[in-house]
N, C-alpha and C. Protein backbone atom coordinates (compact mmCIF):
# COMPACT_ATOMS: atom_id res chain seq x y z
N MET A 1 79.02 70.93 117.02
CA MET A 1 79.64 72.25 116.97
C MET A 1 81.00 71.63 116.61
N GLN A 2 81.76 70.84 117.32
CA GLN A 2 83.18 70.66 117.40
C GLN A 2 83.01 69.64 116.05
N LEU A 3 82.25 68.96 115.82
CA LEU A 3 82.36 67.90 114.25
C LEU A 3 82.40 69.25 113.24
N LEU A 4 81.58 69.70 113.54
CA LEU A 4 81.66 70.85 112.01
C LEU A 4 82.31 71.40 112.08
N LYS A 5 83.37 71.80 113.35
CA LYS A 5 84.21 72.99 113.05
C LYS A 5 85.74 71.93 112.23
N ILE A 6 86.14 70.45 113.11
CA ILE A 6 86.34 69.34 112.28
C ILE A 6 86.29 69.31 110.68
N ALA A 7 85.28 69.27 110.09
CA ALA A 7 84.87 69.05 109.07
C ALA A 7 85.27 70.27 108.04
N ALA A 8 85.13 71.83 108.53
CA ALA A 8 85.47 73.11 108.02
C ALA A 8 87.05 72.38 107.59
N GLN A 9 87.96 72.10 108.61
CA GLN A 9 88.96 72.68 108.61
C GLN A 9 89.58 71.25 107.61
N LYS A 10 89.00 70.13 107.46
CA LYS A 10 89.65 69.57 106.98
C LYS A 10 89.10 69.56 105.08
N ILE A 11 88.33 70.22 105.13
CA ILE A 11 87.79 70.64 103.21
C ILE A 11 88.90 71.79 103.04
N ILE A 12 89.00 72.96 104.26
CA ILE A 12 90.19 73.74 104.16
C ILE A 12 91.68 73.79 103.67
N GLU A 13 91.93 72.01 104.61
CA GLU A 13 93.75 71.80 103.79
C GLU A 13 93.32 71.16 103.06
N LEU A 14 92.28 70.57 102.78
CA LEU A 14 91.72 70.21 100.97
C LEU A 14 93.01 70.95 99.65
N PHE A 15 92.12 72.23 100.50
CA PHE A 15 92.93 73.62 99.36
C PHE A 15 93.99 74.10 100.38
N GLY A 16 94.87 73.19 100.58
CA GLY A 16 96.09 74.23 101.05
C GLY A 16 96.02 74.85 101.77
N TYR A 17 94.99 75.28 103.27
CA TYR A 17 95.15 76.08 103.43
C TYR A 17 94.34 75.97 105.19
N GLU A 18 94.63 76.86 105.89
CA GLU A 18 94.99 76.35 107.47
C GLU A 18 94.46 76.81 108.11
N LEU A 19 92.92 77.11 109.51
CA LEU A 19 92.11 77.60 109.98
C LEU A 19 92.91 77.94 111.58
N ARG A 20 93.00 78.90 111.11
CA ARG A 20 93.43 79.70 112.80
C ARG A 20 92.34 80.89 113.43
N ARG A 21 92.26 81.32 114.79
CA ARG A 21 91.75 81.91 114.84
C ARG A 21 92.42 83.53 115.28
N LYS A 22 92.11 84.56 114.31
CA LYS A 22 91.67 85.64 114.10
C LYS A 22 93.40 85.77 114.91
N ALA A 23 92.92 86.78 116.87
CA ALA A 23 93.57 86.25 117.86
C ALA A 23 95.11 86.12 117.66
N GLU A 24 95.25 84.82 117.40
CA GLU A 24 96.59 83.72 117.14
C GLU A 24 97.00 84.10 116.02
N ILE A 25 96.64 84.69 115.11
CA ILE A 25 97.73 85.32 113.94
C ILE A 25 97.72 86.92 114.12
N LEU A 26 97.52 88.40 114.82
CA LEU A 26 97.93 88.72 115.53
C LEU A 26 98.52 88.97 116.76
N GLY A 27 98.93 87.33 116.82
CA GLY A 27 99.72 88.03 118.11
C GLY A 27 99.24 88.48 119.34
N ASN A 28 97.92 88.31 119.76
CA ASN A 28 97.64 89.10 120.65
C ASN A 28 95.76 88.28 121.44
N SER A 29 96.20 87.25 122.13
CA SER A 29 94.80 86.20 121.65
C SER A 29 93.52 86.72 123.04
N ARG A 30 94.08 88.22 123.71
CA ARG A 30 93.56 88.24 124.85
C ARG A 30 91.62 89.18 123.88
N SER A 31 92.82 90.15 123.09
CA SER A 31 91.39 91.02 122.58
C SER A 31 91.25 91.50 121.44
N GLY A 32 91.93 89.93 120.63
CA GLY A 32 92.18 90.44 119.02
C GLY A 32 93.00 91.15 118.55
N PHE A 33 91.91 92.07 117.24
CA PHE A 33 92.46 93.20 116.75
C PHE A 33 92.86 94.80 118.14
N PRO A 34 94.38 94.93 117.95
CA PRO A 34 94.40 96.40 119.17
C PRO A 34 93.97 97.63 118.25
N SER A 35 93.36 98.46 119.63
CA SER A 35 92.27 99.49 119.40
C SER A 35 93.34 100.73 119.09
N GLU A 36 95.06 100.76 119.87
CA GLU A 36 95.56 101.91 119.73
C GLU A 36 95.90 101.93 117.97
N PRO A 37 96.11 102.60 117.86
CA PRO A 37 95.86 102.65 116.05
C PRO A 37 97.33 102.50 115.07
N PHE A 38 98.16 103.27 115.91
CA PHE A 38 99.82 102.68 115.99
C PHE A 38 100.23 101.38 115.73
N GLU A 39 99.69 100.33 116.69
CA GLU A 39 100.15 99.14 117.08
C GLU A 39 99.10 98.51 116.50
N ALA A 40 97.79 98.96 115.70
CA ALA A 40 96.66 97.89 114.45
C ALA A 40 97.67 98.31 113.36
N GLN A 41 98.35 99.14 113.45
CA GLN A 41 99.01 99.83 111.67
C GLN A 41 100.35 98.74 111.79
N TYR A 42 101.38 99.06 112.56
CA TYR A 42 101.79 98.14 113.23
C TYR A 42 101.70 95.77 112.38
N GLN A 43 99.95 95.86 113.39
CA GLN A 43 100.35 94.31 113.61
C GLN A 43 99.87 93.76 111.53
N LEU A 44 98.93 95.05 110.78
CA LEU A 44 98.94 94.87 109.44
C LEU A 44 99.94 94.98 108.74
N MET A 45 101.29 95.44 109.27
CA MET A 45 102.74 95.44 107.94
C MET A 45 103.08 93.96 108.28
N LYS A 46 102.74 93.55 109.70
CA LYS A 46 102.94 92.38 109.85
C LYS A 46 102.38 91.27 109.11
N ILE A 47 101.54 90.93 108.98
CA ILE A 47 100.37 89.88 108.22
C ILE A 47 100.51 90.49 107.12
N PHE A 48 100.82 91.20 106.36
CA PHE A 48 101.02 91.70 104.92
C PHE A 48 103.24 91.13 104.88
N SER A 49 103.70 91.22 105.40
CA SER A 49 105.04 90.49 105.69
C SER A 49 105.77 92.16 104.79
N ARG A 50 105.99 92.96 105.13
CA ARG A 50 105.91 93.88 104.62
C ARG A 50 107.66 94.51 105.97
N ASP A 51 108.29 94.28 104.83
CA ASP A 51 109.56 94.28 105.17
C ASP A 51 110.30 96.35 105.91
N VAL A 52 109.93 96.48 104.66
CA VAL A 52 110.67 98.05 104.95
C VAL A 52 109.33 99.04 104.41
N VAL A 53 108.60 99.94 105.17
CA VAL A 53 107.62 100.34 104.85
C VAL A 53 107.76 101.72 104.80
N ASN A 54 106.50 102.42 104.17
CA ASN A 54 107.20 103.89 103.18
C ASN A 54 105.74 104.67 103.86
N ILE A 55 105.88 105.14 105.00
CA ILE A 55 104.87 106.19 105.80
C ILE A 55 105.04 107.82 105.27
N PHE A 56 103.63 107.96 104.87
CA PHE A 56 103.68 109.59 104.88
C PHE A 56 102.27 110.03 105.86
N ASP A 57 103.87 111.21 106.01
CA ASP A 57 102.52 111.90 107.19
C ASP A 57 102.31 113.49 106.73
N ILE A 58 101.69 114.02 106.83
CA ILE A 58 100.91 115.38 105.30
C ILE A 58 100.80 116.23 106.89
N GLY A 59 101.32 116.95 106.71
CA GLY A 59 100.86 118.33 108.35
C GLY A 59 102.35 117.26 109.24
N ALA A 60 102.61 117.54 108.88
CA ALA A 60 103.87 116.86 110.29
C ALA A 60 104.40 117.38 111.80
N TYR A 61 103.49 118.61 111.31
CA TYR A 61 103.57 119.92 112.35
C TYR A 61 105.02 119.42 112.95
N LYS A 62 105.65 119.32 113.87
CA LYS A 62 106.64 118.87 114.95
C LYS A 62 107.17 117.42 114.90
N GLY A 63 106.46 116.56 114.72
CA GLY A 63 106.94 115.76 114.10
C GLY A 63 106.91 114.68 115.52
N GLN A 64 105.70 114.85 116.15
CA GLN A 64 104.53 114.05 117.30
C GLN A 64 104.89 112.62 116.59
N THR A 65 103.71 112.93 115.34
CA THR A 65 103.06 111.57 114.58
C THR A 65 104.71 110.27 114.18
N ALA A 66 105.45 111.34 113.36
CA ALA A 66 106.76 110.31 112.80
C ALA A 66 107.68 109.74 114.48
N LYS A 67 107.35 110.72 115.11
CA LYS A 67 108.13 109.28 116.43
C LYS A 67 107.23 108.35 116.74
N GLU A 68 106.43 108.60 117.24
CA GLU A 68 105.28 107.12 116.98
C GLU A 68 105.56 105.99 116.40
N TYR A 69 105.57 106.93 115.08
CA TYR A 69 105.93 105.39 113.83
C TYR A 69 106.43 105.03 114.19
N ARG A 70 108.09 106.35 114.19
CA ARG A 70 109.59 104.94 114.14
C ARG A 70 109.70 104.72 115.35
N SER A 71 109.03 104.74 116.35
CA SER A 71 109.48 103.65 117.70
C SER A 71 108.69 102.11 117.28
N LYS A 72 107.60 102.10 116.58
CA LYS A 72 107.32 100.91 116.16
C LYS A 72 107.25 100.46 114.55
N PHE A 73 108.41 100.62 113.65
CA PHE A 73 108.85 100.84 112.68
C PHE A 73 109.89 101.25 112.84
N PRO A 74 111.40 100.86 112.75
CA PRO A 74 112.14 101.14 112.92
C PRO A 74 113.30 100.90 112.00
N THR A 75 112.35 100.91 111.46
CA THR A 75 113.56 101.01 109.65
C THR A 75 112.95 101.51 108.61
N ALA A 76 111.34 102.31 108.68
CA ALA A 76 110.75 102.54 107.56
C ALA A 76 111.27 103.86 107.62
N ASN A 77 111.08 104.64 106.09
CA ASN A 77 111.34 105.07 105.69
C ASN A 77 109.97 106.21 105.34
N ILE A 78 110.30 107.91 106.57
CA ILE A 78 108.96 108.27 106.83
C ILE A 78 108.94 109.97 106.39
N TYR A 79 108.27 110.16 105.85
CA TYR A 79 108.37 110.94 104.57
C TYR A 79 107.38 112.23 106.13
N CYS A 80 107.67 112.87 105.66
CA CYS A 80 107.37 114.29 106.33
C CYS A 80 106.81 115.75 106.01
N PHE A 81 106.01 115.68 105.38
CA PHE A 81 105.26 117.13 104.61
C PHE A 81 105.06 118.09 106.00
N GLU A 82 105.89 119.03 105.60
CA GLU A 82 105.30 120.00 106.12
C GLU A 82 105.48 121.81 105.62
N PRO A 83 104.48 122.23 105.64
CA PRO A 83 104.89 123.55 104.98
C PRO A 83 106.08 124.99 105.72
N PHE A 84 105.20 125.01 106.98
CA PHE A 84 105.69 125.75 108.03
C PHE A 84 107.12 126.03 108.05
N PRO A 85 107.36 127.12 108.10
CA PRO A 85 109.34 126.90 108.23
C PRO A 85 109.44 126.89 110.08
N ASP A 86 108.99 127.30 110.34
CA ASP A 86 108.68 126.92 112.43
C ASP A 86 109.37 125.45 112.17
N SER A 87 108.15 125.10 112.30
CA SER A 87 108.23 123.36 111.95
C SER A 87 108.61 123.06 111.37
N ILE A 88 109.25 123.61 110.04
CA ILE A 88 110.61 122.48 108.95
C ILE A 88 111.98 122.71 110.27
N VAL A 89 112.23 123.44 110.90
CA VAL A 89 113.38 123.86 111.94
C VAL A 89 113.36 122.63 112.89
N GLU A 90 112.20 123.08 113.29
CA GLU A 90 111.41 121.67 114.99
C GLU A 90 111.98 120.74 113.93
N LEU A 91 111.33 119.65 113.19
CA LEU A 91 111.75 118.36 112.83
C LEU A 91 112.85 117.82 112.16
N ARG A 92 113.93 119.43 111.50
CA ARG A 92 115.08 118.51 110.96
C ARG A 92 115.44 119.36 112.47
N LYS A 93 116.05 119.35 113.94
CA LYS A 93 116.78 119.10 114.69
C LYS A 93 116.42 117.76 114.62
N ARG A 94 115.04 118.12 115.13
CA ARG A 94 114.58 116.43 116.18
C ARG A 94 114.94 115.27 115.45
N PHE A 95 114.64 114.81 113.72
CA PHE A 95 115.74 113.93 113.21
C PHE A 95 116.99 114.21 112.76
N ALA A 96 117.65 115.07 113.18
CA ALA A 96 118.81 115.37 112.23
C ALA A 96 119.21 114.14 112.15
N GLU A 97 119.37 113.10 113.03
CA GLU A 97 120.32 111.68 113.01
C GLU A 97 119.54 110.57 112.00
N ASP A 98 118.15 110.66 112.03
CA ASP A 98 117.89 109.69 110.75
C ASP A 98 117.86 109.64 109.65
N GLN A 99 118.27 108.97 109.48
CA GLN A 99 118.41 108.94 107.56
C GLN A 99 117.12 108.87 107.23
N HIS A 100 116.24 107.72 107.66
CA HIS A 100 115.12 107.49 107.22
C HIS A 100 113.77 108.37 107.05
N ILE A 101 114.61 109.75 108.10
CA ILE A 101 113.22 110.06 107.87
C ILE A 101 113.48 111.51 107.09
N HIS A 102 112.52 111.70 106.13
CA HIS A 102 112.87 112.84 105.37
C HIS A 102 111.71 113.93 105.24
N ILE A 103 112.77 114.88 105.84
CA ILE A 103 111.50 116.16 106.21
C ILE A 103 110.99 116.87 104.12
N ILE A 104 109.82 117.34 104.12
CA ILE A 104 109.20 117.42 102.57
C ILE A 104 108.83 118.83 103.30
N PRO A 105 109.72 119.71 102.77
CA PRO A 105 109.19 121.67 103.26
C PRO A 105 108.38 122.13 102.10
N LYS A 106 106.78 121.49 102.40
CA LYS A 106 105.45 121.25 101.84
C LYS A 106 104.53 121.19 102.00
N ALA A 107 103.31 121.57 101.17
CA ALA A 107 102.12 121.03 101.67
C ALA A 107 101.77 120.24 100.31
N VAL A 108 100.46 119.64 100.69
CA VAL A 108 100.48 118.44 99.90
C VAL A 108 98.31 119.00 99.30
N ALA A 109 98.45 119.18 98.35
CA ALA A 109 97.40 119.89 97.01
C ALA A 109 97.29 118.97 95.91
N GLN A 110 96.70 119.39 95.80
CA GLN A 110 95.94 118.67 94.36
C GLN A 110 96.99 118.62 93.37
N GLN A 111 97.36 119.92 92.93
CA GLN A 111 98.65 120.77 92.11
C GLN A 111 99.71 120.96 92.75
N ASP A 112 100.56 120.18 92.01
CA ASP A 112 101.95 120.92 92.14
C ASP A 112 101.98 122.31 92.11
N GLY A 113 102.88 123.29 92.45
CA GLY A 113 102.77 125.03 92.47
C GLY A 113 102.58 125.99 94.38
N LYS A 114 102.04 126.30 93.44
CA LYS A 114 102.27 127.20 95.52
C LYS A 114 100.40 127.92 95.90
N ALA A 115 100.74 127.92 97.31
CA ALA A 115 99.54 128.72 98.03
C ALA A 115 99.24 129.37 99.04
N ILE A 116 98.99 129.76 99.56
CA ILE A 116 98.53 130.52 101.17
C ILE A 116 97.84 129.85 101.69
N PHE A 117 98.95 130.58 102.91
CA PHE A 117 99.14 128.99 103.58
C PHE A 117 98.88 130.08 105.30
N HIS A 118 97.69 129.63 105.94
CA HIS A 118 96.79 130.16 107.16
C HIS A 118 97.57 129.89 108.68
N VAL A 119 98.03 131.02 108.50
CA VAL A 119 99.41 131.14 110.21
C VAL A 119 98.38 131.76 111.11
N ASN A 120 98.03 130.42 112.29
CA ASN A 120 97.41 131.25 113.15
C ASN A 120 98.45 131.36 114.33
N GLU A 121 97.64 131.77 115.58
CA GLU A 121 97.95 132.37 116.90
C GLU A 121 98.62 131.01 117.38
N LEU A 122 97.82 129.69 117.59
CA LEU A 122 98.17 128.21 117.78
C LEU A 122 98.59 128.50 116.72
N ASP A 123 99.82 127.72 116.41
CA ASP A 123 100.47 127.28 115.73
C ASP A 123 100.62 125.63 115.23
N ALA A 124 99.58 125.05 115.54
CA ALA A 124 99.81 123.57 116.00
C ALA A 124 98.00 123.77 114.55
N THR A 125 97.61 124.74 114.57
CA THR A 125 96.04 124.81 113.84
C THR A 125 96.91 125.67 112.19
N ASN A 126 97.46 126.17 112.16
CA ASN A 126 97.97 126.28 110.65
C ASN A 126 97.64 125.51 110.01
N SER A 127 97.18 125.77 108.52
CA SER A 127 96.46 124.73 107.83
C SER A 127 96.31 125.90 106.46
N LEU A 128 96.20 124.94 105.11
CA LEU A 128 95.88 125.85 103.94
C LEU A 128 94.37 126.19 103.85
N LEU A 129 93.80 126.07 105.01
CA LEU A 129 92.84 125.90 104.80
C LEU A 129 92.20 127.41 105.84
N PRO A 130 91.23 128.43 104.96
CA PRO A 130 90.72 129.71 106.52
C PRO A 130 90.76 129.19 107.27
N ARG A 131 91.13 129.59 108.69
CA ARG A 131 89.59 129.50 109.85
C ARG A 131 88.82 130.02 109.48
N PRO A 132 86.80 128.65 109.57
CA PRO A 132 86.16 129.14 109.13
C PRO A 132 85.83 130.09 110.18
N VAL A 133 84.64 131.34 109.56
CA VAL A 133 84.03 132.92 110.61
C VAL A 133 83.16 132.44 110.87
N SER A 134 82.63 131.58 110.52
CA SER A 134 80.89 131.32 111.00
C SER A 134 81.29 129.93 111.26
N GLY A 135 79.91 129.30 112.53
CA GLY A 135 79.83 127.84 112.48
C GLY A 135 80.56 127.80 113.69
N ARG A 136 80.48 126.62 114.26
CA ARG A 136 80.14 126.02 115.33
C ARG A 136 82.43 125.96 115.21
N ARG A 137 83.67 126.19 116.54
CA ARG A 137 84.40 126.74 116.68
C ARG A 137 85.23 125.61 117.01
N TYR A 138 85.89 124.72 117.04
CA TYR A 138 86.71 123.38 117.46
C TYR A 138 87.70 123.95 118.30
N TYR A 139 88.03 124.91 118.27
CA TYR A 139 89.75 125.22 118.43
C TYR A 139 89.44 126.71 119.41
N PRO A 140 90.40 127.18 120.35
CA PRO A 140 89.89 128.18 120.97
C PRO A 140 90.09 129.56 120.24
N LYS A 141 89.57 130.59 120.98
CA LYS A 141 89.91 131.46 120.54
C LYS A 141 91.13 132.50 120.22
N SER A 142 91.65 131.51 120.87
CA SER A 142 93.15 132.56 121.06
C SER A 142 94.08 131.66 119.93
N ALA A 143 93.70 130.82 118.89
CA ALA A 143 94.04 130.21 118.14
C ALA A 143 93.76 131.21 117.19
N GLY A 144 92.67 132.19 117.01
CA GLY A 144 92.78 132.69 115.31
C GLY A 144 93.67 133.10 115.38
N PRO A 145 93.73 133.71 113.43
CA PRO A 145 94.11 133.89 112.17
C PRO A 145 95.86 134.57 112.85
N LYS A 146 96.81 134.63 112.15
CA LYS A 146 98.02 135.73 112.77
C LYS A 146 98.30 136.29 111.63
N ALA A 147 98.49 135.72 110.04
CA ALA A 147 98.99 135.59 109.26
C ALA A 147 98.60 134.72 107.92
N THR A 148 99.44 135.60 106.40
CA THR A 148 99.30 133.90 104.90
C THR A 148 100.08 134.58 105.09
N ILE A 149 100.94 132.85 104.77
CA ILE A 149 102.48 133.28 103.81
C ILE A 149 101.72 131.99 102.96
N GLU A 150 103.08 132.27 101.87
CA GLU A 150 103.10 131.77 99.90
C GLU A 150 103.68 130.50 100.79
N VAL A 151 103.35 128.59 100.21
CA VAL A 151 104.16 128.52 100.77
C VAL A 151 103.93 127.17 98.98
N GLU A 152 105.04 126.16 99.07
CA GLU A 152 105.38 125.91 97.80
C GLU A 152 104.34 124.58 98.30
N VAL A 153 103.52 123.79 96.98
CA VAL A 153 102.82 122.51 96.93
C VAL A 153 102.62 121.44 96.65
N ILE A 154 102.79 120.02 96.51
CA ILE A 154 102.75 119.11 95.87
C ILE A 154 101.64 118.15 95.84
N CYS A 155 101.42 118.02 95.22
CA CYS A 155 101.09 116.77 94.41
C CYS A 155 101.36 115.47 94.98
N LEU A 156 100.66 114.59 95.45
CA LEU A 156 100.98 113.55 95.87
C LEU A 156 101.41 111.90 94.67
N ASP A 157 100.45 112.39 93.26
CA ASP A 157 100.90 111.77 92.03
C ASP A 157 102.18 111.80 91.91
N SER A 158 102.84 113.27 91.68
CA SER A 158 103.89 114.18 91.40
C SER A 158 105.30 113.42 92.43
N PHE A 159 105.29 113.48 93.53
CA PHE A 159 106.01 113.41 94.05
C PHE A 159 106.67 111.98 94.72
N VAL A 160 105.77 110.90 94.64
CA VAL A 160 105.57 108.89 94.08
C VAL A 160 106.50 109.24 92.65
N ARG A 161 106.20 110.08 91.58
CA ARG A 161 107.10 109.47 90.34
C ARG A 161 108.04 110.08 90.21
N GLU A 162 108.38 111.64 90.74
CA GLU A 162 109.79 111.73 91.10
C GLU A 162 110.79 111.04 92.24
N THR A 163 110.48 110.82 92.98
CA THR A 163 110.88 109.96 94.15
C THR A 163 111.34 108.98 93.80
N ARG A 164 110.06 108.13 92.82
CA ARG A 164 110.47 106.87 92.44
C ARG A 164 109.68 105.98 93.54
N ILE A 165 108.83 106.26 94.22
CA ILE A 165 108.32 105.31 95.52
C ILE A 165 107.34 104.40 94.74
N SER A 166 107.95 102.46 95.63
CA SER A 166 106.56 101.82 94.73
C SER A 166 105.40 101.82 95.53
N GLN A 167 105.29 101.69 96.44
CA GLN A 167 104.70 101.43 97.59
C GLN A 167 104.54 102.87 98.20
N ILE A 168 103.00 103.40 98.97
CA ILE A 168 102.86 104.13 99.87
C ILE A 168 102.07 102.84 101.21
N ASP A 169 102.72 103.10 102.05
CA ASP A 169 102.02 101.82 103.12
C ASP A 169 100.57 102.38 103.82
N ILE A 170 101.16 103.47 104.76
CA ILE A 170 100.80 104.06 105.40
C ILE A 170 100.89 105.78 105.26
N GLN A 171 99.50 106.28 105.50
CA GLN A 171 99.46 107.60 104.73
C GLN A 171 98.86 108.73 106.13
N THR A 172 99.27 109.17 106.72
CA THR A 172 98.36 110.54 107.89
C THR A 172 98.29 111.95 107.45
N PHE A 173 96.94 112.28 107.87
CA PHE A 173 96.57 113.46 107.79
C PHE A 173 96.44 114.37 108.96
N ARG A 174 97.18 115.11 108.91
CA ARG A 174 96.59 116.64 109.40
C ARG A 174 96.33 117.32 109.83
N VAL A 175 94.23 117.16 109.66
CA VAL A 175 94.21 118.46 108.57
C VAL A 175 93.24 119.00 110.41
N VAL A 176 93.48 120.49 109.97
CA VAL A 176 93.03 121.83 110.61
C VAL A 176 92.39 122.75 110.76
N ASN A 177 90.95 122.35 110.83
CA ASN A 177 90.36 123.67 109.97
C ASN A 177 89.69 124.80 110.95
């Protein structure tokens, strides 16, 4: 087996490549690729040598995900898409000092315009999608519908074109229904 490994390494070296264990590349020799998602994404960006990272947090709510990304990617541009007025206020307060966190007070949809946004008793479950009236429930009854409001929506293609962002490195969706 050792002879086969040496032969493979020599052949690969002839083509100008180097053969190393994956764990060594990731800097985590015990368990291979990290199981924690934020760390896994950090390691991937490191492998691709991405210095400036653009992160889209769609359905940013009150910024919990953006905060996690900020701790892993201190120089990233984080775009928080959130249409709910109360959440927008929280996001602006939370990240007032961070010039690389951009609050976009819109929901993301297939096309630009306006849409009905469903506000629930439990605001973490607010959504462009109405709460289902039948079938299995994934959140408590106390999170029932409260109101609807009209919000602005934007298509990601439009946003990227308007802001001239060349690449989205990480994109998260908070889908609640």
